[in-house]
PDB file of N, CA and C in Angstrom:
ATOM      1  N   MET A   1     -17.500  17.920  13.469  1.00  0.00           N
ATOM      2  CA  MET A   1     -17.102  17.441  12.850  1.00  0.00           C
ATOM      3  C   MET A   1     -17.522  18.072  11.639  1.00  0.00           C
ATOM      4  N   PRO A   2     -16.640  18.863  10.564  1.00  0.00           N
ATOM      5  CA  PRO A   2     -17.389  18.930   9.389  1.00  0.00           C
ATOM      6  C   PRO A   2     -18.668  17.786   8.795  1.00  0.00           C
ATOM      7  N   ALA A   3     -19.061  18.763   8.338  1.00  0.00           N
ATOM      8  CA  ALA A   3     -20.253  17.393   7.376  1.00  0.00           C
ATOM      9  C   ALA A   3     -19.471  16.862   6.706  1.00  0.00           C
ATOM     10  N   VAL A   4     -18.671  17.278   5.314  1.00  0.00           N
ATOM     11  CA  VAL A   4     -18.561  16.321   4.320  1.00  0.00           C
ATOM     12  C   VAL A   4     -16.909  15.313   4.644  1.00  0.00           C
ATOM     13  N   TRP A   5     -16.799  15.308   6.114  1.00  0.00           N
ATOM     14  CA  TRP A   5     -16.012  14.576   6.579  1.00  0.00           C
ATOM     15  C   TRP A   5     -17.570  13.365   6.963  1.00  0.00           C
ATOM     16  N   GLN A   6     -18.275  13.419   7.121  1.00  0.00           N
ATOM     17  CA  GLN A   6     -18.932  12.615   7.693  1.00  0.00           C
ATOM     18  C   GLN A   6     -19.824  11.734   7.033  1.00  0.00           C
ATOM     19  N   ARG A   7     -19.346  12.014   5.400  1.00  0.00           N
ATOM     20  CA  ARG A   7     -20.114  11.766   4.405  1.00  0.00           C
ATOM     21  C   ARG A   7     -18.793  10.954   3.819  1.00  0.00           C
ATOM     22  N   ARG A   8     -17.841  11.028   4.658  1.00  0.00           N
ATOM     23  CA  ARG A   8     -17.115   9.465   3.803  1.00  0.00           C
ATOM     24  C   ARG A   8     -17.301   7.981   4.516  1.00  0.00           C
ATOM     25  N   PRO A   9     -16.860   7.018   3.555  1.00  0.00           N
ATOM     26  CA  PRO A   9     -17.197   6.132   4.262  1.00  0.00           C
ATOM     27  C   PRO A   9     -16.435   5.690   5.836  1.00  0.00           C
ATOM     28  N   TYR A  10     -17.228   5.269   6.372  1.00  0.00           N
ATOM     29  CA  TYR A  10     -16.372   4.289   8.137  1.00  0.00           C
ATOM     30  C   TYR A  10     -15.290   3.953   7.209  1.00  0.00           C
ATOM     31  N   THR A  11     -15.265   3.090   6.729  1.00  0.00           N
ATOM     32  CA  THR A  11     -13.484   2.406   6.537  1.00  0.00           C
ATOM     33  C   THR A  11     -12.958   3.127   6.227  1.00  0.00           C
ATOM     34  N   GLU A  12     -13.528   4.524   4.950  1.00  0.00           N
ATOM     35  CA  GLU A  12     -12.034   5.296   4.726  1.00  0.00           C
ATOM     36  C   GLU A  12     -11.443   6.042   6.014  1.00  0.00           C
ATOM     37  N   ARG A  13     -12.409   6.765   6.933  1.00  0.00           N
ATOM     38  CA  ARG A  13     -12.198   7.456   7.815  1.00  0.00           C
ATOM     39  C   ARG A  13     -10.965   6.067   8.967  1.00  0.00           C
ATOM     40  N   LEU A  14     -11.514   4.989   9.665  1.00  0.00           N
ATOM     41  CA  LEU A  14     -11.074   4.248   9.767  1.00  0.00           C
ATOM     42  C   LEU A  14      -9.067   3.907   9.189  1.00  0.00           C
ATOM     43  N   ILE A  15      -9.601   4.186   7.951  1.00  0.00           N
ATOM     44  CA  ILE A  15      -7.991   3.929   7.097  1.00  0.00           C
ATOM     45  C   ILE A  15      -7.108   5.078   7.879  1.00  0.00           C
ATOM     46  N   HIS A  16      -7.948   6.349   7.653  1.00  0.00           N
ATOM     47  CA  HIS A  16      -7.331   7.913   7.821  1.00  0.00           C
ATOM     48  C   HIS A  16      -6.666   7.714   9.640  1.00  0.00           C
ATOM     49  N   ALA A  17      -7.797   7.245  10.628  1.00  0.00           N
ATOM     50  CA  ALA A  17      -7.168   7.460  11.433  1.00  0.00           C
ATOM     51  C   ALA A  17      -6.356   6.177  11.681  1.00  0.00           C
ATOM     52  N   LEU A  18      -5.559   5.357  10.778  1.00  0.00           N
ATOM     53  CA  LEU A  18      -4.146   4.939  11.413  1.00  0.00           C
ATOM     54  C   LEU A  18      -3.650   5.661  11.595  1.00  0.00           C
ATOM     55  N   ARG A  19      -3.183   6.593  11.318  1.00  0.00           N
ATOM     56  CA  ARG A  19      -2.421   8.077  10.631  1.00  0.00           C
ATOM     57  C   ARG A  19      -2.397   9.103  12.113  1.00  0.00           C
ATOM     58  N   HIS A  20      -3.487   8.431  12.823  1.00  0.00           N
ATOM     59  CA  HIS A  20      -3.306   9.277  14.108  1.00  0.00           C
ATOM     60  C   HIS A  20      -2.178   9.412  15.087  1.00  0.00           C
ATOM     61  N   PRO A  21      -1.496  10.163  15.773  1.00  0.00           N
ATOM     62  CA  PRO A  21      -0.374  10.306  16.585  1.00  0.00           C
ATOM     63  C   PRO A  21      -0.596   9.691  17.789  1.00  0.00           C
ATOM     64  N   VAL A  22      -1.836   9.721  18.288  1.00  0.00           N
ATOM     65  CA  VAL A  22      -1.887   8.385  19.713  1.00  0.00           C
ATOM     66  C   VAL A  22      -2.357   7.487  19.613  1.00  0.00           C
ATOM     67  N   SER A  23      -1.316   6.062  19.670  1.00  0.00           N
ATOM     68  CA  SER A  23      -1.712   4.660  19.621  1.00  0.00           C
ATOM     69  C   SER A  23      -3.140   4.106  20.136  1.00  0.00           C
ATOM     70  N   GLU A  24      -3.222   4.638  21.401  1.00  0.00           N
ATOM     71  CA  GLU A  24      -4.908   4.394  20.976  1.00  0.00           C
ATOM     72  C   GLU A  24      -5.953   4.311  20.171  1.00  0.00           C
ATOM     73  N   VAL A  25      -6.080   5.632  19.579  1.00  0.00           N
ATOM     74  CA  VAL A  25      -6.740   5.416  18.821  1.00  0.00           C
ATOM     75  C   VAL A  25      -6.542   4.722  17.426  1.00  0.00           C
ATOM     76  N   ARG A  26      -4.850   4.539  17.216  1.00  0.00           N
ATOM     77  CA  ARG A  26      -4.778   3.888  15.729  1.00  0.00           C
ATOM     78  C   ARG A  26      -5.253   2.754  15.999  1.00  0.00           C
ATOM     79  N   MET A  27      -4.906   2.413  17.332  1.00  0.00           N
ATOM     80  CA  MET A  27      -5.338   0.450  18.058  1.00  0.00           C
ATOM     81  C   MET A  27      -7.399   0.897  18.121  1.00  0.00           C
ATOM     82  N   GLY A  28      -8.003   0.985  18.038  1.00  0.00           N
ATOM     83  CA  GLY A  28      -8.744   1.000  17.957  1.00  0.00           C
ATOM     84  C   GLY A  28      -9.154   1.145  16.082  1.00  0.00           C
ATOM     85  N   ALA A  29      -8.876   1.615  15.303  1.00  0.00           N
ATOM     86  CA  ALA A  29      -9.252   1.739  14.331  1.00  0.00           C
ATOM     87  C   ALA A  29      -8.272   0.076  13.912  1.00  0.00           C
ATOM     88  N   ILE A  30      -7.191  -0.129  14.008  1.00  0.00           N
ATOM     89  CA  ILE A  30      -6.986  -1.696  13.614  1.00  0.00           C
ATOM     90  C   ILE A  30      -7.757  -2.767  13.867  1.00  0.00           C
ATOM     91  N   ILE A  31      -8.664  -2.644  15.334  1.00  0.00           N
ATOM     92  CA  ILE A  31      -9.522  -3.780  15.779  1.00  0.00           C
ATOM     93  C   ILE A  31     -10.799  -3.295  14.998  1.00  0.00           C
ATOM     94  N   SER A  32     -11.301  -2.697  14.384  1.00  0.00           N
ATOM     95  CA  SER A  32     -12.121  -1.967  13.886  1.00  0.00           C
ATOM     96  C   SER A  32     -12.002  -2.354  12.424  1.00  0.00           C
ATOM     97  N   LEU A  33     -10.861  -2.294  11.566  1.00  0.00           N
ATOM     98  CA  LEU A  33     -10.694  -2.360  10.069  1.00  0.00           C
ATOM     99  C   LEU A  33     -10.750  -3.997  10.240  1.00  0.00           C
ATOM    100  N   GLY A  34     -10.168  -4.407  11.064  1.00  0.00           N
ATOM    101  CA  GLY A  34      -9.842  -6.335  11.252  1.00  0.00           C
ATOM    102  C   GLY A  34     -11.572  -6.632  11.543  1.00  0.00           C
ATOM    103  N   ASN A  35     -12.498  -5.946  12.152  1.00  0.00           N
ATOM    104  CA  ASN A  35     -13.835  -6.537  12.368  1.00  0.00           C
ATOM    105  C   ASN A  35     -14.181  -6.305  10.957  1.00  0.00           C
ATOM    106  N   ARG A  36     -14.184  -5.195  10.404  1.00  0.00           N
ATOM    107  CA  ARG A  36     -15.226  -4.793   9.081  1.00  0.00           C
ATOM    108  C   ARG A  36     -14.550  -6.008   7.808  1.00  0.00           C
ATOM    109  N   ARG A  37     -13.607  -6.737   7.863  1.00  0.00           N
ATOM    110  CA  ARG A  37     -12.627  -7.635   6.880  1.00  0.00           C
ATOM    111  C   ARG A  37     -12.496  -6.906   5.641  1.00  0.00           C
ATOM    112  N   GLU A  38     -12.782  -5.869   5.027  1.00  0.00           N
ATOM    113  CA  GLU A  38     -12.660  -5.703   3.866  1.00  0.00           C
ATOM    114  C   GLU A  38     -11.216  -5.071   3.205  1.00  0.00           C
ATOM    115  N   PRO A  39     -11.184  -5.706   2.164  1.00  0.00           N
ATOM    116  CA  PRO A  39      -9.675  -5.782   1.362  1.00  0.00           C
ATOM    117  C   PRO A  39      -9.069  -4.428   1.126  1.00  0.00           C
ATOM    118  N   GLN A  40      -9.821  -3.287   1.064  1.00  0.00           N
ATOM    119  CA  GLN A  40      -8.973  -2.814   1.082  1.00  0.00           C
ATOM    120  C   GLN A  40      -8.229  -1.920   2.122  1.00  0.00           C
ATOM    121  N   ALA A  41      -8.525  -2.323   3.128  1.00  0.00           N
ATOM    122  CA  ALA A  41      -7.881  -1.790   4.348  1.00  0.00           C
ATOM    123  C   ALA A  41      -6.348  -2.429   4.706  1.00  0.00           C
ATOM    124  N   ALA A  42      -5.991  -3.533   4.026  1.00  0.00           N
ATOM    125  CA  ALA A  42      -5.412  -4.497   4.207  1.00  0.00           C
ATOM    126  C   ALA A  42      -4.066  -3.427   4.194  1.00  0.00           C
ATOM    127  N   VAL A  43      -3.365  -2.962   3.046  1.00  0.00           N
ATOM    128  CA  VAL A  43      -2.305  -2.223   2.862  1.00  0.00           C
ATOM    129  C   VAL A  43      -2.362  -1.085   3.515  1.00  0.00           C
ATOM    130  N   PRO A  44      -2.892  -0.041   3.984  1.00  0.00           N
ATOM    131  CA  PRO A  44      -3.206   0.341   4.876  1.00  0.00           C
ATOM    132  C   PRO A  44      -2.500   0.151   6.339  1.00  0.00           C
ATOM    133  N   LEU A  45      -2.808  -0.645   6.512  1.00  0.00           N
ATOM    134  CA  LEU A  45      -2.633  -1.271   7.944  1.00  0.00           C
ATOM    135  C   LEU A  45      -1.219  -1.724   8.140  1.00  0.00           C
ATOM    136  N   ALA A  46      -0.774  -2.587   7.113  1.00  0.00           N
ATOM    137  CA  ALA A  46       0.545  -3.177   6.932  1.00  0.00           C
ATOM    138  C   ALA A  46       1.902  -1.545   6.989  1.00  0.00           C
ATOM    139  N   GLU A  47       1.007  -1.022   6.057  1.00  0.00           N
ATOM    140  CA  GLU A  47       2.039   0.537   6.238  1.00  0.00           C
ATOM    141  C   GLU A  47       1.866   0.685   7.450  1.00  0.00           C
ATOM    142  N   CYS A  48       0.649   1.012   8.469  1.00  0.00           N
ATOM    143  CA  CYS A  48       0.324   1.426   9.988  1.00  0.00           C
ATOM    144  C   CYS A  48       2.275   0.985  10.484  1.00  0.00           C
ATOM    145  N   ALA A  49       1.823  -0.258  10.458  1.00  0.00           N
ATOM    146  CA  ALA A  49       2.656  -1.611  11.252  1.00  0.00           C
ATOM    147  C   ALA A  49       3.891  -0.786  11.136  1.00  0.00           C
ATOM    148  N   LEU A  50       4.731  -0.590   9.753  1.00  0.00           N
ATOM    149  CA  LEU A  50       6.173  -0.637   9.145  1.00  0.00           C
ATOM    150  C   LEU A  50       6.265   1.274  10.186  1.00  0.00           C
ATOM    151  N   ALA A  51       4.903   2.292  10.216  1.00  0.00           N
ATOM    152  CA  ALA A  51       5.390   3.240  10.161  1.00  0.00           C
ATOM    153  C   ALA A  51       5.297   3.607  11.674  1.00  0.00           C
ATOM    154  N   HIS A  52       5.334   2.335  12.776  1.00  0.00           N
ATOM    155  CA  HIS A  52       5.456   2.728  14.165  1.00  0.00           C
ATOM    156  C   HIS A  52       6.249   1.342  14.297  1.00  0.00           C
ATOM    157  N   PRO A  53       7.108   0.914  13.919  1.00  0.00           N
ATOM    158  CA  PRO A  53       7.736  -0.383  14.172  1.00  0.00           C
ATOM    159  C   PRO A  53       8.420  -0.554  15.114  1.00  0.00           C
ATOM    160  N   VAL A  54       8.555   0.248  16.300  1.00  0.00           N
ATOM    161  CA  VAL A  54       9.000   0.045  17.634  1.00  0.00           C
ATOM    162  C   VAL A  54       7.340  -0.301  18.683  1.00  0.00           C
ATOM    163  N   ASP A  55       5.860  -0.216  17.987  1.00  0.00           N
ATOM    164  CA  ASP A  55       5.116  -0.782  18.701  1.00  0.00           C
ATOM    165  C   ASP A  55       4.954  -2.120  18.088  1.00  0.00           C
ATOM    166  N   VAL A  56       5.637  -3.071  18.830  1.00  0.00           N
ATOM    167  CA  VAL A  56       5.487  -4.530  18.227  1.00  0.00           C
ATOM    168  C   VAL A  56       3.670  -5.224  19.057  1.00  0.00           C
ATOM    169  N   VAL A  57       3.147  -4.701  19.544  1.00  0.00           N
ATOM    170  CA  VAL A  57       1.838  -4.858  19.659  1.00  0.00           C
ATOM    171  C   VAL A  57       0.393  -4.466  19.213  1.00  0.00           C
ATOM    172  N   GLN A  58       0.611  -3.160  19.067  1.00  0.00           N
ATOM    173  CA  GLN A  58       0.118  -2.968  17.681  1.00  0.00           C
ATOM    174  C   GLN A  58       0.392  -3.382  16.282  1.00  0.00           C
ATOM    175  N   ALA A  59       1.608  -3.888  16.094  1.00  0.00           N
ATOM    176  CA  ALA A  59       1.886  -4.677  14.479  1.00  0.00           C
ATOM    177  C   ALA A  59       1.529  -5.628  14.570  1.00  0.00           C
ATOM    178  N   LEU A  60       1.017  -6.597  16.132  1.00  0.00           N
ATOM    179  CA  LEU A  60       0.788  -8.216  16.436  1.00  0.00           C
ATOM    180  C   LEU A  60      -0.737  -8.028  15.920  1.00  0.00           C
ATOM    181  N   ALA A  61      -1.233  -6.687  16.604  1.00  0.00           N
ATOM    182  CA  ALA A  61      -3.022  -6.503  16.742  1.00  0.00           C
ATOM    183  C   ALA A  61      -2.872  -6.582  14.973  1.00  0.00           C
ATOM    184  N   ILE A  62      -2.279  -6.050  14.040  1.00  0.00           N
ATOM    185  CA  ILE A  62      -2.234  -5.246  12.743  1.00  0.00           C
ATOM    186  C   ILE A  62      -2.270  -7.091  11.520  1.00  0.00           C
ATOM    187  N   VAL A  63      -1.287  -7.553  12.384  1.00  0.00           N
ATOM    188  CA  VAL A  63      -1.393  -8.654  11.994  1.00  0.00           C
ATOM    189  C   VAL A  63      -2.287  -9.497  11.504  1.00  0.00           C
ATOM    190  N   GLU A  64      -3.060  -9.297  12.901  1.00  0.00           N
ATOM    191  CA  GLU A  64      -3.761 -10.495  13.174  1.00  0.00           C
ATOM    192  C   GLU A  64      -5.330  -9.888  11.870  1.00  0.00           C
ATOM    193  N   ALA A  65      -5.156  -8.783  12.739  1.00  0.00           N
ATOM    194  CA  ALA A  65      -6.784  -7.655  11.596  1.00  0.00           C
ATOM    195  C   ALA A  65      -6.602  -8.228   9.925  1.00  0.00           C
ATOM    196  N   ILE A  66      -5.288  -8.121   9.600  1.00  0.00           N
ATOM    197  CA  ILE A  66      -5.290  -8.343   8.456  1.00  0.00           C
ATOM    198  C   ILE A  66      -5.309 -10.117   7.762  1.00  0.00           C
ATOM    199  N   HIS A  67      -4.867 -10.670   9.154  1.00  0.00           N
ATOM    200  CA  HIS A  67      -5.329 -12.351   8.882  1.00  0.00           C
ATOM    201  C   HIS A  67      -7.142 -12.521   8.463  1.00  0.00           C
ATOM    202  N   ASN A  68      -7.790 -11.780   9.114  1.00  0.00           N
ATOM    203  CA  ASN A  68      -9.179 -11.721   9.307  1.00  0.00           C
ATOM    204  C   ASN A  68      -9.639 -11.298   7.986  1.00  0.00           C
ATOM    205  N   ILE A  69      -9.281 -10.383   7.166  1.00  0.00           N
ATOM    206  CA  ILE A  69      -9.706  -9.732   6.395  1.00  0.00           C
ATOM    207  C   ILE A  69      -9.822 -10.853   5.266  1.00  0.00           C
ATOM    208  N   GLN A  70     -11.000 -10.487   4.080  1.00  0.00           N
ATOM    209  CA  GLN A  70     -11.285 -11.812   3.556  1.00  0.00           C
ATOM    210  C   GLN A  70     -10.424 -11.779   2.311  1.00  0.00           C
ATOM    211  N   PRO A  71      -9.801 -12.877   2.183  1.00  0.00           N
ATOM    212  CA  PRO A  71      -8.230 -13.430   1.005  1.00  0.00           C
ATOM    213  C   PRO A  71      -8.857 -13.062   0.128  1.00  0.00           C
ATOM    214  N   SER A  72      -7.791 -12.238  -0.351  1.00  0.00           N
ATOM    215  CA  SER A  72      -7.966 -11.062  -1.497  1.00  0.00           C
ATOM    216  C   SER A  72      -6.489 -10.704  -1.591  1.00  0.00           C
ATOM    217  N   PRO A  73      -5.794 -10.551  -3.137  1.00  0.00           N
ATOM    218  CA  PRO A  73      -4.532  -9.625  -3.711  1.00  0.00           C
ATOM    219  C   PRO A  73      -3.726  -8.506  -2.764  1.00  0.00           C
ATOM    220  N   GLU A  74      -5.144  -8.059  -1.970  1.00  0.00           N
ATOM    221  CA  GLU A  74      -4.197  -6.939  -0.895  1.00  0.00           C
ATOM    222  C   GLU A  74      -4.207  -7.430   0.168  1.00  0.00           C
ATOM    223  N   ARG A  75      -4.968  -8.564   0.431  1.00  0.00           N
ATOM    224  CA  ARG A  75      -4.403  -9.278   1.955  1.00  0.00           C
ATOM    225  C   ARG A  75      -3.037  -9.721   1.503  1.00  0.00           C
ATOM    226  N   ASP A  76      -2.794 -10.219   0.865  1.00  0.00           N
ATOM    227  CA  ASP A  76      -1.404 -10.678   0.310  1.00  0.00           C
ATOM    228  C   ASP A  76      -0.608 -10.332   0.225  1.00  0.00           C
ATOM    229  N   ARG A  77      -0.518  -8.765  -0.165  1.00  0.00           N
ATOM    230  CA  ARG A  77       0.235  -7.679  -0.463  1.00  0.00           C
ATOM    231  C   ARG A  77       0.767  -7.542   0.887  1.00  0.00           C
ATOM    232  N   ALA A  78      -0.092  -7.444   1.564  1.00  0.00           N
ATOM    233  CA  ALA A  78       0.033  -6.633   3.406  1.00  0.00           C
ATOM    234  C   ALA A  78       1.088  -7.568   3.931  1.00  0.00           C
ATOM    235  N   LEU A  79       0.725  -8.672   3.952  1.00  0.00           N
ATOM    236  CA  LEU A  79       1.669  -9.842   4.666  1.00  0.00           C
ATOM    237  C   LEU A  79       2.300  -9.759   3.828  1.00  0.00           C
ATOM    238  N   THR A  80       3.077  -9.695   2.607  1.00  0.00           N
ATOM    239  CA  THR A  80       3.878  -9.414   2.164  1.00  0.00           C
ATOM    240  C   THR A  80       5.381  -8.714   2.768  1.00  0.00           C
ATOM    241  N   LEU A  81       3.986  -7.165   3.000  1.00  0.00           N
ATOM    242  CA  LEU A  81       5.128  -6.402   3.130  1.00  0.00           C
ATOM    243  C   LEU A  81       5.477  -6.149   4.654  1.00  0.00           C
ATOM    244  N   LEU A  82       4.686  -6.829   5.367  1.00  0.00           N
ATOM    245  CA  LEU A  82       5.011  -7.501   6.328  1.00  0.00           C
ATOM    246  C   LEU A  82       6.132  -8.333   7.161  1.00  0.00           C
ATOM    247  N   ALA A  83       6.570  -9.580   5.934  1.00  0.00           N
ATOM    248  CA  ALA A  83       7.144 -10.285   6.670  1.00  0.00           C
ATOM    249  C   ALA A  83       8.315  -9.686   6.822  1.00  0.00           C
ATOM    250  N   ASP A  84       8.624  -8.005   6.660  1.00  0.00           N
ATOM    251  CA  ASP A  84      10.031  -7.757   6.599  1.00  0.00           C
ATOM    252  C   ASP A  84       9.821  -7.040   7.944  1.00  0.00           C
ATOM    253  N   HIS A  85       9.151  -7.087   8.542  1.00  0.00           N
ATOM    254  CA  HIS A  85       9.150  -6.349   9.877  1.00  0.00           C
ATOM    255  C   HIS A  85       9.998  -6.242  10.351  1.00  0.00           C
ATOM    256  N   PRO A  86      10.738  -5.079  11.043  1.00  0.00           N
ATOM    257  CA  PRO A  86      11.830  -5.447  12.293  1.00  0.00           C
ATOM    258  C   PRO A  86      11.959  -6.059  13.035  1.00  0.00           C
ATOM    259  N   ALA A  87      10.629  -6.213  13.640  1.00  0.00           N
ATOM    260  CA  ALA A  87      10.501  -7.153  14.990  1.00  0.00           C
ATOM    261  C   ALA A  87      10.606  -8.371  14.516  1.00  0.00           C
ATOM    262  N   ARG A  88      11.209  -9.382  15.265  1.00  0.00           N
ATOM    263  CA  ARG A  88      11.048 -11.139  14.739  1.00  0.00           C
ATOM    264  C   ARG A  88       9.539 -11.528  14.602  1.00  0.00           C
ATOM    265  N   ALA A  89       8.729 -10.858  16.360  1.00  0.00           N
ATOM    266  CA  ALA A  89       7.326 -11.490  16.400  1.00  0.00           C
ATOM    267  C   ALA A  89       7.121 -11.125  15.238  1.00  0.00           C
ATOM    268  N   VAL A  90       6.831 -10.045  14.855  1.00  0.00           N
ATOM    269  CA  VAL A  90       6.325  -9.842  14.116  1.00  0.00           C
ATOM    270  C   VAL A  90       5.911 -10.832  12.684  1.00  0.00           C
ATOM    271  N   ARG A  91       7.342 -10.325  12.275  1.00  0.00           N
ATOM    272  CA  ARG A  91       7.902 -11.758  10.977  1.00  0.00           C
ATOM    273  C   ARG A  91       7.225 -12.724  11.424  1.00  0.00           C
ATOM    274  N   ARG A  92       7.807 -13.553  12.631  1.00  0.00           N
ATOM    275  CA  ARG A  92       6.696 -15.099  12.898  1.00  0.00           C
ATOM    276  C   ARG A  92       4.668 -14.902  12.368  1.00  0.00           C
ATOM    277  N   ALA A  93       4.872 -14.020  13.150  1.00  0.00           N
ATOM    278  CA  ALA A  93       3.006 -13.664  13.267  1.00  0.00           C
ATOM    279  C   ALA A  93       2.800 -13.899  11.663  1.00  0.00           C
ATOM    280  N   VAL A  94       3.437 -13.083  10.882  1.00  0.00           N
ATOM    281  CA  VAL A  94       2.955 -12.854   9.384  1.00  0.00           C
ATOM    282  C   VAL A  94       3.509 -13.933   8.836  1.00  0.00           C
ATOM    283  N   VAL A  95       4.168 -15.226   9.469  1.00  0.00           N
ATOM    284  CA  VAL A  95       4.360 -16.608   8.862  1.00  0.00           C
ATOM    285  C   VAL A  95       3.032 -17.334   9.423  1.00  0.00           C
ATOM    286  N   ARG A  96       2.879 -17.376  10.315  1.00  0.00           N
ATOM    287  CA  ARG A  96       1.256 -18.221  10.875  1.00  0.00           C
ATOM    288  C   ARG A  96       0.334 -18.243  10.097  1.00  0.00           C
ATOM    289  N   ALA A  97       0.264 -16.421  10.127  1.00  0.00           N
ATOM    290  CA  ALA A  97      -0.799 -16.197   9.216  1.00  0.00           C
ATOM    291  C   ALA A  97      -0.996 -16.866   7.597  1.00  0.00           C
ATOM    292  N   LEU A  98       0.260 -16.848   6.814  1.00  0.00           N
ATOM    293  CA  LEU A  98       0.124 -16.915   5.611  1.00  0.00           C
ATOM    294  C   LEU A  98       0.028 -19.026   6.123  1.00  0.00           C
ATOM    295  N   GLU A  99       0.701 -19.468   6.792  1.00  0.00           N
ATOM    296  CA  GLU A  99       0.139 -20.964   7.031  1.00  0.00           C
ATOM    297  C   GLU A  99      -1.299 -21.191   7.011  1.00  0.00           C
ATOM    298  N   ALA A 100      -1.794 -20.446   7.377  1.00  0.00           N
ATOM    299  CA  ALA A 100      -3.220 -21.034   8.232  1.00  0.00           C
ATOM    300  C   ALA A 100      -4.112 -20.212   6.749  1.00  0.00           C
ATOM    301  N   THR A 101      -3.121 -19.628   5.867  1.00  0.00           N
ATOM    302  CA  THR A 101      -4.521 -19.299   4.367  1.00  0.00           C
ATOM    303  C   THR A 101      -4.367 -20.587   3.600  1.00  0.00           C
TER     304      THR A 101
END
C-alpha cells in the first residue's frame, strides 16, 4: 500500500471502499462507517445504496449505518436520498429510521 494512501484518514479510506466492485468489501466499509458514526459518511453511504439498487441487503445495512450516525444535516440528507430507493423494503426502513429520530 503506497505511503500516501496510508496517510489518508481512515474514514476517507472507508468511504473510498464503498466504490469497490466486490460487495463483501463494500459491506465491511458500510458496517465500519456505521460504527464510526461520522456525519461525513452519510451521503456517500446513500450514494452507494443507490449505485447498487438490486442489493437490498446492502441497502438495508446502509440505512442502519446511517441511522447510527450522529444527528446532522448530512444524515438527514442521506435518508432523504434513500427515501426514493427502488426497493420498497429500503424505503420502509428509511421511514422507520426517520420516525426513530
